[in-house]
PDB file of N, CA and C in Angstrom:
ATOM      1  N   MET A   1      38.240 -57.295 -28.439  1.00  0.00           N
ATOM      2  CA  MET A   1      37.823 -57.779 -27.206  1.00  0.00           C
ATOM      3  C   MET A   1      37.953 -59.033 -27.054  1.00  0.00           C
ATOM      4  N   ASP A   2      37.861 -59.846 -28.008  1.00  0.00           N
ATOM      5  CA  ASP A   2      37.798 -61.386 -27.892  1.00  0.00           C
ATOM      6  C   ASP A   2      39.454 -61.824 -27.462  1.00  0.00           C
ATOM      7  N   ILE A   3      40.307 -60.834 -28.050  1.00  0.00           N
ATOM      8  CA  ILE A   3      41.519 -61.327 -27.659  1.00  0.00           C
ATOM      9  C   ILE A   3      42.075 -60.950 -26.079  1.00  0.00           C
ATOM     10  N   ILE A   4      41.422 -60.107 -25.649  1.00  0.00           N
ATOM     11  CA  ILE A   4      41.549 -59.842 -24.115  1.00  0.00           C
ATOM     12  C   ILE A   4      40.801 -60.711 -23.145  1.00  0.00           C
ATOM     13  N   TRP A   5      39.827 -61.414 -23.826  1.00  0.00           N
ATOM     14  CA  TRP A   5      39.203 -62.386 -23.070  1.00  0.00           C
ATOM     15  C   TRP A   5      40.323 -63.831 -23.019  1.00  0.00           C
ATOM     16  N   GLU A   6      40.729 -63.918 -24.247  1.00  0.00           N
ATOM     17  CA  GLU A   6      41.593 -65.035 -24.370  1.00  0.00           C
ATOM     18  C   GLU A   6      42.780 -64.738 -23.322  1.00  0.00           C
ATOM     19  N   ILE A   7      43.396 -63.675 -23.304  1.00  0.00           N
ATOM     20  CA  ILE A   7      44.639 -63.224 -22.773  1.00  0.00           C
ATOM     21  C   ILE A   7      44.037 -63.565 -21.066  1.00  0.00           C
ATOM     22  N   LEU A   8      43.155 -63.149 -21.011  1.00  0.00           N
ATOM     23  CA  LEU A   8      42.800 -63.074 -19.353  1.00  0.00           C
ATOM     24  C   LEU A   8      42.650 -64.680 -18.993  1.00  0.00           C
ATOM     25  N   ILE A   9      42.096 -65.379 -19.839  1.00  0.00           N
ATOM     26  CA  ILE A   9      41.639 -66.811 -19.554  1.00  0.00           C
ATOM     27  C   ILE A   9      43.101 -67.628 -19.369  1.00  0.00           C
ATOM     28  N   ILE A  10      44.114 -67.230 -20.414  1.00  0.00           N
ATOM     29  CA  ILE A  10      45.337 -67.936 -20.202  1.00  0.00           C
ATOM     30  C   ILE A  10      45.974 -67.768 -18.958  1.00  0.00           C
ATOM     31  N   LEU A  11      45.960 -66.044 -18.727  1.00  0.00           N
ATOM     32  CA  LEU A  11      46.867 -65.496 -17.326  1.00  0.00           C
ATOM     33  C   LEU A  11      46.085 -66.349 -16.209  1.00  0.00           C
ATOM     34  N   GLN A  12      44.748 -66.549 -15.863  1.00  0.00           N
ATOM     35  CA  GLN A  12      44.186 -67.135 -15.048  1.00  0.00           C
ATOM     36  C   GLN A  12      44.721 -68.423 -14.807  1.00  0.00           C
ATOM     37  N   ALA A  13      44.732 -69.200 -15.954  1.00  0.00           N
ATOM     38  CA  ALA A  13      45.015 -70.475 -16.205  1.00  0.00           C
ATOM     39  C   ALA A  13      46.728 -70.789 -15.626  1.00  0.00           C
ATOM     40  N   ASN A  14      47.379 -70.037 -15.996  1.00  0.00           N
ATOM     41  CA  ASN A  14      48.686 -69.971 -15.579  1.00  0.00           C
ATOM     42  C   ASN A  14      48.969 -69.295 -13.952  1.00  0.00           C
ATOM     43  N   PHE A  15      48.218 -68.678 -13.459  1.00  0.00           N
ATOM     44  CA  PHE A  15      48.183 -68.265 -12.016  1.00  0.00           C
ATOM     45  C   PHE A  15      47.765 -69.411 -11.365  1.00  0.00           C
ATOM     46  N   ILE A  16      46.488 -70.219 -11.875  1.00  0.00           N
ATOM     47  CA  ILE A  16      46.082 -71.573 -11.074  1.00  0.00           C
ATOM     48  C   ILE A  16      47.146 -72.538 -11.278  1.00  0.00           C
ATOM     49  N   VAL A  17      48.103 -72.669 -12.150  1.00  0.00           N
ATOM     50  CA  VAL A  17      48.997 -73.718 -12.152  1.00  0.00           C
ATOM     51  C   VAL A  17      50.049 -73.450 -11.199  1.00  0.00           C
ATOM     52  N   CYS A  18      50.408 -72.254 -11.141  1.00  0.00           N
ATOM     53  CA  CYS A  18      51.474 -71.712 -10.379  1.00  0.00           C
ATOM     54  C   CYS A  18      51.284 -71.632  -9.086  1.00  0.00           C
ATOM     55  N   ILE A  19      50.131 -71.423  -8.390  1.00  0.00           N
ATOM     56  CA  ILE A  19      49.819 -71.402  -7.015  1.00  0.00           C
ATOM     57  C   ILE A  19      49.391 -72.582  -6.535  1.00  0.00           C
ATOM     58  N   SER A  20      49.284 -73.729  -7.542  1.00  0.00           N
ATOM     59  CA  SER A  20      49.175 -75.207  -6.998  1.00  0.00           C
ATOM     60  C   SER A  20      50.266 -76.027  -7.159  1.00  0.00           C
ATOM     61  N   ALA A  21      51.139 -75.337  -7.512  1.00  0.00           N
ATOM     62  CA  ALA A  21      52.627 -76.070  -7.658  1.00  0.00           C
ATOM     63  C   ALA A  21      52.998 -76.236  -6.080  1.00  0.00           C
ATOM     64  N   GLN A  22      53.728 -77.386  -5.817  1.00  0.00           N
ATOM     65  CA  GLN A  22      54.262 -77.783  -4.655  1.00  0.00           C
ATOM     66  C   GLN A  22      55.774 -77.909  -4.849  1.00  0.00           C
ATOM     67  N   PRO A  23      56.798 -77.057  -4.144  1.00  0.00           N
ATOM     68  CA  PRO A  23      57.942 -77.443  -4.190  1.00  0.00           C
ATOM     69  C   PRO A  23      58.338 -78.753  -3.522  1.00  0.00           C
ATOM     70  N   ASN A  24      59.158 -79.364  -4.216  1.00  0.00           N
ATOM     71  CA  ASN A  24      59.605 -80.775  -3.723  1.00  0.00           C
ATOM     72  C   ASN A  24      61.365 -80.702  -3.666  1.00  0.00           C
ATOM     73  N   PRO A  25      61.497 -80.651  -2.514  1.00  0.00           N
ATOM     74  CA  PRO A  25      62.933 -80.202  -2.218  1.00  0.00           C
ATOM     75  C   PRO A  25      63.704 -81.596  -2.267  1.00  0.00           C
ATOM     76  N   PRO A  26      64.830 -81.703  -2.859  1.00  0.00           N
ATOM     77  CA  PRO A  26      65.590 -82.817  -2.902  1.00  0.00           C
ATOM     78  C   PRO A  26      65.970 -83.261  -1.448  1.00  0.00           C
ATOM     79  N   LYS A  27      66.018 -84.717  -1.131  1.00  0.00           N
ATOM     80  CA  LYS A  27      66.019 -85.555   0.096  1.00  0.00           C
ATOM     81  C   LYS A  27      67.357 -86.436  -0.122  1.00  0.00           C
ATOM     82  N   ILE A  28      68.507 -85.681  -0.249  1.00  0.00           N
ATOM     83  CA  ILE A  28      69.854 -86.531  -0.632  1.00  0.00           C
ATOM     84  C   ILE A  28      70.357 -87.228   0.597  1.00  0.00           C
ATOM     85  N   HIS A  29      69.950 -86.586   1.398  1.00  0.00           N
ATOM     86  CA  HIS A  29      70.719 -87.361   3.028  1.00  0.00           C
ATOM     87  C   HIS A  29      69.620 -88.186   3.497  1.00  0.00           C
ATOM     88  N   GLU A  30      68.356 -88.095   3.325  1.00  0.00           N
ATOM     89  CA  GLU A  30      67.312 -88.845   3.947  1.00  0.00           C
ATOM     90  C   GLU A  30      67.812 -90.537   3.874  1.00  0.00           C
ATOM     91  N   GLY A  31      67.806 -90.724   5.171  1.00  0.00           N
ATOM     92  CA  GLY A  31      67.879 -92.084   5.201  1.00  0.00           C
ATOM     93  C   GLY A  31      69.339 -92.584   5.357  1.00  0.00           C
ATOM     94  N   TRP A  32      70.270 -91.491   5.163  1.00  0.00           N
ATOM     95  CA  TRP A  32      71.687 -91.998   5.228  1.00  0.00           C
ATOM     96  C   TRP A  32      72.021 -92.166   6.687  1.00  0.00           C
ATOM     97  N   TRP A  33      71.784 -91.312   7.510  1.00  0.00           N
ATOM     98  CA  TRP A  33      71.936 -91.666   9.107  1.00  0.00           C
ATOM     99  C   TRP A  33      70.780 -91.843   9.695  1.00  0.00           C
ATOM    100  N   ALA A  34      70.497 -93.395   9.773  1.00  0.00           N
ATOM    101  CA  ALA A  34      69.260 -94.046  10.340  1.00  0.00           C
ATOM    102  C   ALA A  34      69.584 -94.904  11.342  1.00  0.00           C
ATOM    103  N   TYR A  35      68.400 -95.111  12.012  1.00  0.00           N
ATOM    104  CA  TYR A  35      68.660 -96.264  13.148  1.00  0.00           C
ATOM    105  C   TYR A  35      67.906 -97.724  12.529  1.00  0.00           C
ATOM    106  N   LYS A  36      67.562 -97.738  11.517  1.00  0.00           N
ATOM    107  CA  LYS A  36      66.999 -99.051  10.788  1.00  0.00           C
ATOM    108  C   LYS A  36      68.163 -99.568   9.791  1.00  0.00           C
ATOM    109  N   GLU A  37      68.436-100.922   9.796  1.00  0.00           N
ATOM    110  CA  GLU A  37      69.566-101.449   8.921  1.00  0.00           C
ATOM    111  C   GLU A  37      68.854-101.539   7.510  1.00  0.00           C
ATOM    112  N   VAL A  38      67.563-101.557   7.232  1.00  0.00           N
ATOM    113  CA  VAL A  38      67.079-101.565   5.919  1.00  0.00           C
ATOM    114  C   VAL A  38      65.887-100.586   5.785  1.00  0.00           C
ATOM    115  N   VAL A  39      66.153 -99.378   4.778  1.00  0.00           N
ATOM    116  CA  VAL A  39      65.045 -98.308   4.504  1.00  0.00           C
ATOM    117  C   VAL A  39      64.803 -98.717   3.021  1.00  0.00           C
ATOM    118  N   GLN A  40      63.375 -99.043   2.624  1.00  0.00           N
ATOM    119  CA  GLN A  40      62.997 -99.161   1.593  1.00  0.00           C
ATOM    120  C   GLN A  40      63.752-100.081   0.760  1.00  0.00           C
ATOM    121  N   GLY A  41      64.345-101.207   1.238  1.00  0.00           N
ATOM    122  CA  GLY A  41      64.581-102.491   0.539  1.00  0.00           C
ATOM    123  C   GLY A  41      66.150-102.081   0.446  1.00  0.00           C
ATOM    124  N   SER A  42      66.975-100.934   0.942  1.00  0.00           N
ATOM    125  CA  SER A  42      68.201-100.930   0.709  1.00  0.00           C
ATOM    126  C   SER A  42      69.176-100.930   2.115  1.00  0.00           C
ATOM    127  N   PHE A  43      70.239-101.089   2.246  1.00  0.00           N
ATOM    128  CA  PHE A  43      71.057-101.187   3.197  1.00  0.00           C
ATOM    129  C   PHE A  43      71.416 -99.716   3.838  1.00  0.00           C
ATOM    130  N   VAL A  44      71.089 -99.393   4.986  1.00  0.00           N
ATOM    131  CA  VAL A  44      71.623 -98.226   5.446  1.00  0.00           C
ATOM    132  C   VAL A  44      72.677 -98.231   6.720  1.00  0.00           C
ATOM    133  N   PRO A  45      73.975 -97.363   6.851  1.00  0.00           N
ATOM    134  CA  PRO A  45      74.463 -97.590   7.805  1.00  0.00           C
ATOM    135  C   PRO A  45      73.856 -97.149   9.253  1.00  0.00           C
ATOM    136  N   VAL A  46      74.185 -98.146   9.934  1.00  0.00           N
ATOM    137  CA  VAL A  46      73.296 -97.702  11.412  1.00  0.00           C
ATOM    138  C   VAL A  46      74.419 -97.330  12.513  1.00  0.00           C
ATOM    139  N   PRO A  47      74.324 -97.135  13.490  1.00  0.00           N
ATOM    140  CA  PRO A  47      75.051 -96.670  14.506  1.00  0.00           C
ATOM    141  C   PRO A  47      76.276 -97.363  14.691  1.00  0.00           C
ATOM    142  N   SER A  48      75.850 -98.819  14.697  1.00  0.00           N
ATOM    143  CA  SER A  48      77.240 -99.638  14.941  1.00  0.00           C
ATOM    144  C   SER A  48      78.214 -99.544  13.526  1.00  0.00           C
ATOM    145  N   PHE A  49      77.759 -99.145  12.538  1.00  0.00           N
ATOM    146  CA  PHE A  49      78.738 -98.889  11.340  1.00  0.00           C
ATOM    147  C   PHE A  49      79.207 -97.473  11.362  1.00  0.00           C
ATOM    148  N   TRP A  50      78.942 -96.616  12.071  1.00  0.00           N
ATOM    149  CA  TRP A  50      79.244 -95.294  11.868  1.00  0.00           C
ATOM    150  C   TRP A  50      80.735 -95.414  12.602  1.00  0.00           C
ATOM    151  N   GLY A  51      81.004 -95.907  13.545  1.00  0.00           N
ATOM    152  CA  GLY A  51      82.477 -95.912  14.173  1.00  0.00           C
ATOM    153  C   GLY A  51      83.088 -96.963  13.380  1.00  0.00           C
ATOM    154  N   LEU A  52      82.928 -97.633  12.414  1.00  0.00           N
ATOM    155  CA  LEU A  52      84.006 -98.063  11.222  1.00  0.00           C
ATOM    156  C   LEU A  52      84.218 -97.391  10.437  1.00  0.00           C
ATOM    157  N   VAL A  53      83.373 -96.189  10.137  1.00  0.00           N
ATOM    158  CA  VAL A  53      83.512 -95.094   9.007  1.00  0.00           C
ATOM    159  C   VAL A  53      84.729 -94.229   9.700  1.00  0.00           C
ATOM    160  N   ASN A  54      84.587 -94.061  10.734  1.00  0.00           N
ATOM    161  CA  ASN A  54      85.543 -92.833  11.202  1.00  0.00           C
ATOM    162  C   ASN A  54      85.988 -93.150  12.721  1.00  0.00           C
ATOM    163  N   SER A  55      87.307 -93.386  13.085  1.00  0.00           N
ATOM    164  CA  SER A  55      87.662 -93.872  14.443  1.00  0.00           C
ATOM    165  C   SER A  55      87.249 -92.714  15.563  1.00  0.00           C
ATOM    166  N   ALA A  56      86.893 -91.414  14.808  1.00  0.00           N
ATOM    167  CA  ALA A  56      86.464 -90.526  15.992  1.00  0.00           C
ATOM    168  C   ALA A  56      85.322 -90.757  16.294  1.00  0.00           C
ATOM    169  N   TRP A  57      84.587 -91.755  15.615  1.00  0.00           N
ATOM    170  CA  TRP A  57      82.941 -91.933  16.180  1.00  0.00           C
ATOM    171  C   TRP A  57      82.913 -93.340  16.648  1.00  0.00           C
ATOM    172  N   ASN A  58      83.828 -93.736  17.134  1.00  0.00           N
ATOM    173  CA  ASN A  58      83.783 -95.291  17.792  1.00  0.00           C
ATOM    174  C   ASN A  58      83.118 -95.254  18.922  1.00  0.00           C
ATOM    175  N   LEU A  59      82.477 -94.334  19.605  1.00  0.00           N
ATOM    176  CA  LEU A  59      81.470 -94.465  20.522  1.00  0.00           C
ATOM    177  C   LEU A  59      80.183 -94.827  19.982  1.00  0.00           C
ATOM    178  N   CYS A  60      79.969 -94.553  18.698  1.00  0.00           N
ATOM    179  CA  CYS A  60      78.580 -94.989  18.193  1.00  0.00           C
ATOM    180  C   CYS A  60      78.557 -96.923  17.765  1.00  0.00           C
ATOM    181  N   SER A  61      79.625 -97.223  17.895  1.00  0.00           N
ATOM    182  CA  SER A  61      79.871 -98.559  17.556  1.00  0.00           C
ATOM    183  C   SER A  61      79.269 -99.413  18.669  1.00  0.00           C
ATOM    184  N   VAL A  62      79.514 -98.922  20.011  1.00  0.00           N
ATOM    185  CA  VAL A  62      79.105 -99.575  21.269  1.00  0.00           C
ATOM    186  C   VAL A  62      78.068 -99.119  21.490  1.00  0.00           C
ATOM    187  N   GLY A  63      77.619 -97.893  21.362  1.00  0.00           N
ATOM    188  CA  GLY A  63      75.862 -97.791  22.059  1.00  0.00           C
ATOM    189  C   GLY A  63      74.994 -97.688  21.145  1.00  0.00           C
ATOM    190  N   LYS A  64      73.903 -96.957  21.645  1.00  0.00           N
ATOM    191  CA  LYS A  64      72.638 -96.964  20.453  1.00  0.00           C
ATOM    192  C   LYS A  64      71.934 -95.705  20.262  1.00  0.00           C
ATOM    193  N   ARG A  65      71.807 -95.470  19.114  1.00  0.00           N
ATOM    194  CA  ARG A  65      71.211 -94.215  18.921  1.00  0.00           C
ATOM    195  C   ARG A  65      71.988 -92.836  18.996  1.00  0.00           C
ATOM    196  N   GLN A  66      73.209 -93.173  18.495  1.00  0.00           N
ATOM    197  CA  GLN A  66      73.906 -91.892  18.831  1.00  0.00           C
ATOM    198  C   GLN A  66      74.344 -91.426  17.464  1.00  0.00           C
ATOM    199  N   SER A  67      74.641 -90.219  17.045  1.00  0.00           N
ATOM    200  CA  SER A  67      74.782 -89.530  15.620  1.00  0.00           C
ATOM    201  C   SER A  67      76.212 -89.095  15.959  1.00  0.00           C
ATOM    202  N   PRO A  68      77.197 -88.955  15.024  1.00  0.00           N
ATOM    203  CA  PRO A  68      78.367 -88.492  14.819  1.00  0.00           C
ATOM    204  C   PRO A  68      78.197 -86.880  14.270  1.00  0.00           C
ATOM    205  N   VAL A  69      77.959 -86.228  15.467  1.00  0.00           N
ATOM    206  CA  VAL A  69      77.856 -84.722  15.379  1.00  0.00           C
ATOM    207  C   VAL A  69      79.152 -84.061  15.789  1.00  0.00           C
ATOM    208  N   ASN A  70      79.512 -83.243  15.042  1.00  0.00           N
ATOM    209  CA  ASN A  70      80.907 -82.276  15.104  1.00  0.00           C
ATOM    210  C   ASN A  70      80.541 -80.753  15.530  1.00  0.00           C
ATOM    211  N   ILE A  71      80.511 -80.670  16.736  1.00  0.00           N
ATOM    212  CA  ILE A  71      80.108 -79.102  17.318  1.00  0.00           C
ATOM    213  C   ILE A  71      81.444 -78.282  17.168  1.00  0.00           C
ATOM    214  N   GLU A  72      81.608 -77.350  16.430  1.00  0.00           N
ATOM    215  CA  GLU A  72      82.777 -76.725  16.329  1.00  0.00           C
ATOM    216  C   GLU A  72      82.580 -75.401  17.441  1.00  0.00           C
ATOM    217  N   THR A  73      83.353 -75.496  18.531  1.00  0.00           N
ATOM    218  CA  THR A  73      82.942 -74.427  19.572  1.00  0.00           C
ATOM    219  C   THR A  73      83.588 -73.207  19.062  1.00  0.00           C
ATOM    220  N   SER A  74      84.446 -73.432  18.158  1.00  0.00           N
ATOM    221  CA  SER A  74      85.141 -71.980  17.759  1.00  0.00           C
ATOM    222  C   SER A  74      83.895 -70.997  17.134  1.00  0.00           C
ATOM    223  N   HIS A  75      83.080 -71.795  16.453  1.00  0.00           N
ATOM    224  CA  HIS A  75      82.071 -71.011  15.661  1.00  0.00           C
ATOM    225  C   HIS A  75      80.835 -70.715  16.616  1.00  0.00           C
ATOM    226  N   MET A  76      80.735 -71.038  17.816  1.00  0.00           N
ATOM    227  CA  MET A  76      79.495 -70.775  18.516  1.00  0.00           C
ATOM    228  C   MET A  76      79.492 -69.331  19.073  1.00  0.00           C
ATOM    229  N   ILE A  77      78.259 -68.946  19.080  1.00  0.00           N
ATOM    230  CA  ILE A  77      77.836 -67.677  19.665  1.00  0.00           C
ATOM    231  C   ILE A  77      77.097 -67.691  20.955  1.00  0.00           C
ATOM    232  N   PHE A  78      77.719 -67.208  21.926  1.00  0.00           N
ATOM    233  CA  PHE A  78      76.802 -67.114  23.425  1.00  0.00           C
ATOM    234  C   PHE A  78      75.651 -66.216  23.220  1.00  0.00           C
ATOM    235  N   ASP A  79      74.545 -67.024  23.787  1.00  0.00           N
ATOM    236  CA  ASP A  79      73.134 -66.231  23.764  1.00  0.00           C
ATOM    237  C   ASP A  79      72.771 -66.123  25.287  1.00  0.00           C
ATOM    238  N   PRO A  80      72.859 -65.233  26.025  1.00  0.00           N
ATOM    239  CA  PRO A  80      72.614 -65.193  27.349  1.00  0.00           C
ATOM    240  C   PRO A  80      71.070 -65.497  27.871  1.00  0.00           C
ATOM    241  N   PHE A  81      70.189 -65.379  26.517  1.00  0.00           N
ATOM    242  CA  PHE A  81      68.641 -65.513  26.832  1.00  0.00           C
ATOM    243  C   PHE A  81      68.412 -66.834  26.383  1.00  0.00           C
ATOM    244  N   LEU A  82      69.222 -67.893  25.997  1.00  0.00           N
ATOM    245  CA  LEU A  82      68.615 -69.109  25.560  1.00  0.00           C
ATOM    246  C   LEU A  82      68.641 -69.934  27.035  1.00  0.00           C
ATOM    247  N   THR A  83      67.301 -70.951  27.120  1.00  0.00           N
ATOM    248  CA  THR A  83      67.268 -71.552  28.409  1.00  0.00           C
ATOM    249  C   THR A  83      67.831 -72.748  28.147  1.00  0.00           C
ATOM    250  N   PRO A  84      68.269 -73.566  29.378  1.00  0.00           N
ATOM    251  CA  PRO A  84      69.079 -74.649  29.331  1.00  0.00           C
ATOM    252  C   PRO A  84      68.284 -75.876  28.518  1.00  0.00           C
ATOM    253  N   ILE A  85      69.182 -76.720  28.120  1.00  0.00           N
ATOM    254  CA  ILE A  85      68.766 -77.683  27.269  1.00  0.00           C
ATOM    255  C   ILE A  85      68.004 -78.779  28.061  1.00  0.00           C
ATOM    256  N   LYS A  86      66.786 -79.356  27.469  1.00  0.00           N
ATOM    257  CA  LYS A  86      66.009 -80.257  28.453  1.00  0.00           C
ATOM    258  C   LYS A  86      65.935 -81.564  27.370  1.00  0.00           C
ATOM    259  N   LEU A  87      66.591 -82.625  28.034  1.00  0.00           N
ATOM    260  CA  LEU A  87      66.658 -83.903  26.976  1.00  0.00           C
ATOM    261  C   LEU A  87      65.523 -84.618  27.337  1.00  0.00           C
ATOM    262  N   ASN A  88      64.805 -85.138  26.423  1.00  0.00           N
ATOM    263  CA  ASN A  88      63.636 -86.049  26.695  1.00  0.00           C
ATOM    264  C   ASN A  88      64.066 -87.548  26.392  1.00  0.00           C
ATOM    265  N   THR A  89      64.387 -88.173  27.245  1.00  0.00           N
ATOM    266  CA  THR A  89      65.008 -89.511  26.953  1.00  0.00           C
ATOM    267  C   THR A  89      63.936 -90.674  26.601  1.00  0.00           C
ATOM    268  N   GLY A  90      62.816 -90.356  27.272  1.00  0.00           N
ATOM    269  CA  GLY A  90      61.714 -91.210  27.311  1.00  0.00           C
ATOM    270  C   GLY A  90      61.458 -92.318  28.300  1.00  0.00           C
ATOM    271  N   GLY A  91      62.226 -91.895  29.422  1.00  0.00           N
ATOM    272  CA  GLY A  91      62.687 -92.927  30.745  1.00  0.00           C
ATOM    273  C   GLY A  91      63.626 -93.635  30.423  1.00  0.00           C
ATOM    274  N   ARG A  92      64.357 -93.559  29.261  1.00  0.00           N
ATOM    275  CA  ARG A  92      65.429 -94.740  29.098  1.00  0.00           C
ATOM    276  C   ARG A  92      66.646 -93.782  29.998  1.00  0.00           C
ATOM    277  N   LYS A  93      67.473 -94.609  30.560  1.00  0.00           N
ATOM    278  CA  LYS A  93      68.849 -94.323  30.961  1.00  0.00           C
ATOM    279  C   LYS A  93      69.906 -93.906  29.888  1.00  0.00           C
ATOM    280  N   CYS A  94      70.361 -92.608  29.720  1.00  0.00           N
ATOM    281  CA  CYS A  94      71.399 -92.415  28.764  1.00  0.00           C
ATOM    282  C   CYS A  94      72.228 -91.434  29.444  1.00  0.00           C
ATOM    283  N   VAL A  95      73.438 -91.448  28.616  1.00  0.00           N
ATOM    284  CA  VAL A  95      74.875 -90.603  29.151  1.00  0.00           C
ATOM    285  C   VAL A  95      75.108 -89.892  27.809  1.00  0.00           C
ATOM    286  N   LEU A  96      75.287 -88.636  28.173  1.00  0.00           N
ATOM    287  CA  LEU A  96      75.416 -87.648  26.952  1.00  0.00           C
ATOM    288  C   LEU A  96      77.032 -86.958  27.192  1.00  0.00           C
ATOM    289  N   VAL A  97      77.616 -87.810  26.087  1.00  0.00           N
ATOM    290  CA  VAL A  97      78.906 -87.527  26.148  1.00  0.00           C
ATOM    291  C   VAL A  97      79.491 -86.123  25.237  1.00  0.00           C
TER     292      VAL A  97
END
């Protein structure tokens, strides 16, 4: 009977450890595409730098807060139920290219 109680206590302890464990996914790209020049003491490529990395992103060098996003239209799927995109610019004037 004592062995059963020992097994139950061990199982309960393992269960508590398992349910309390929080997965911590790697953040390999966190901070790479940033809008600040320094993040946690290290240099981060800001929008003005992105245009130097790739000539196709040259608009990033002259504007503010752009990201080099490449949308492959050949891989897009039309969804007639989607609502139009609404941009929240926070009252700032901007041009979507």
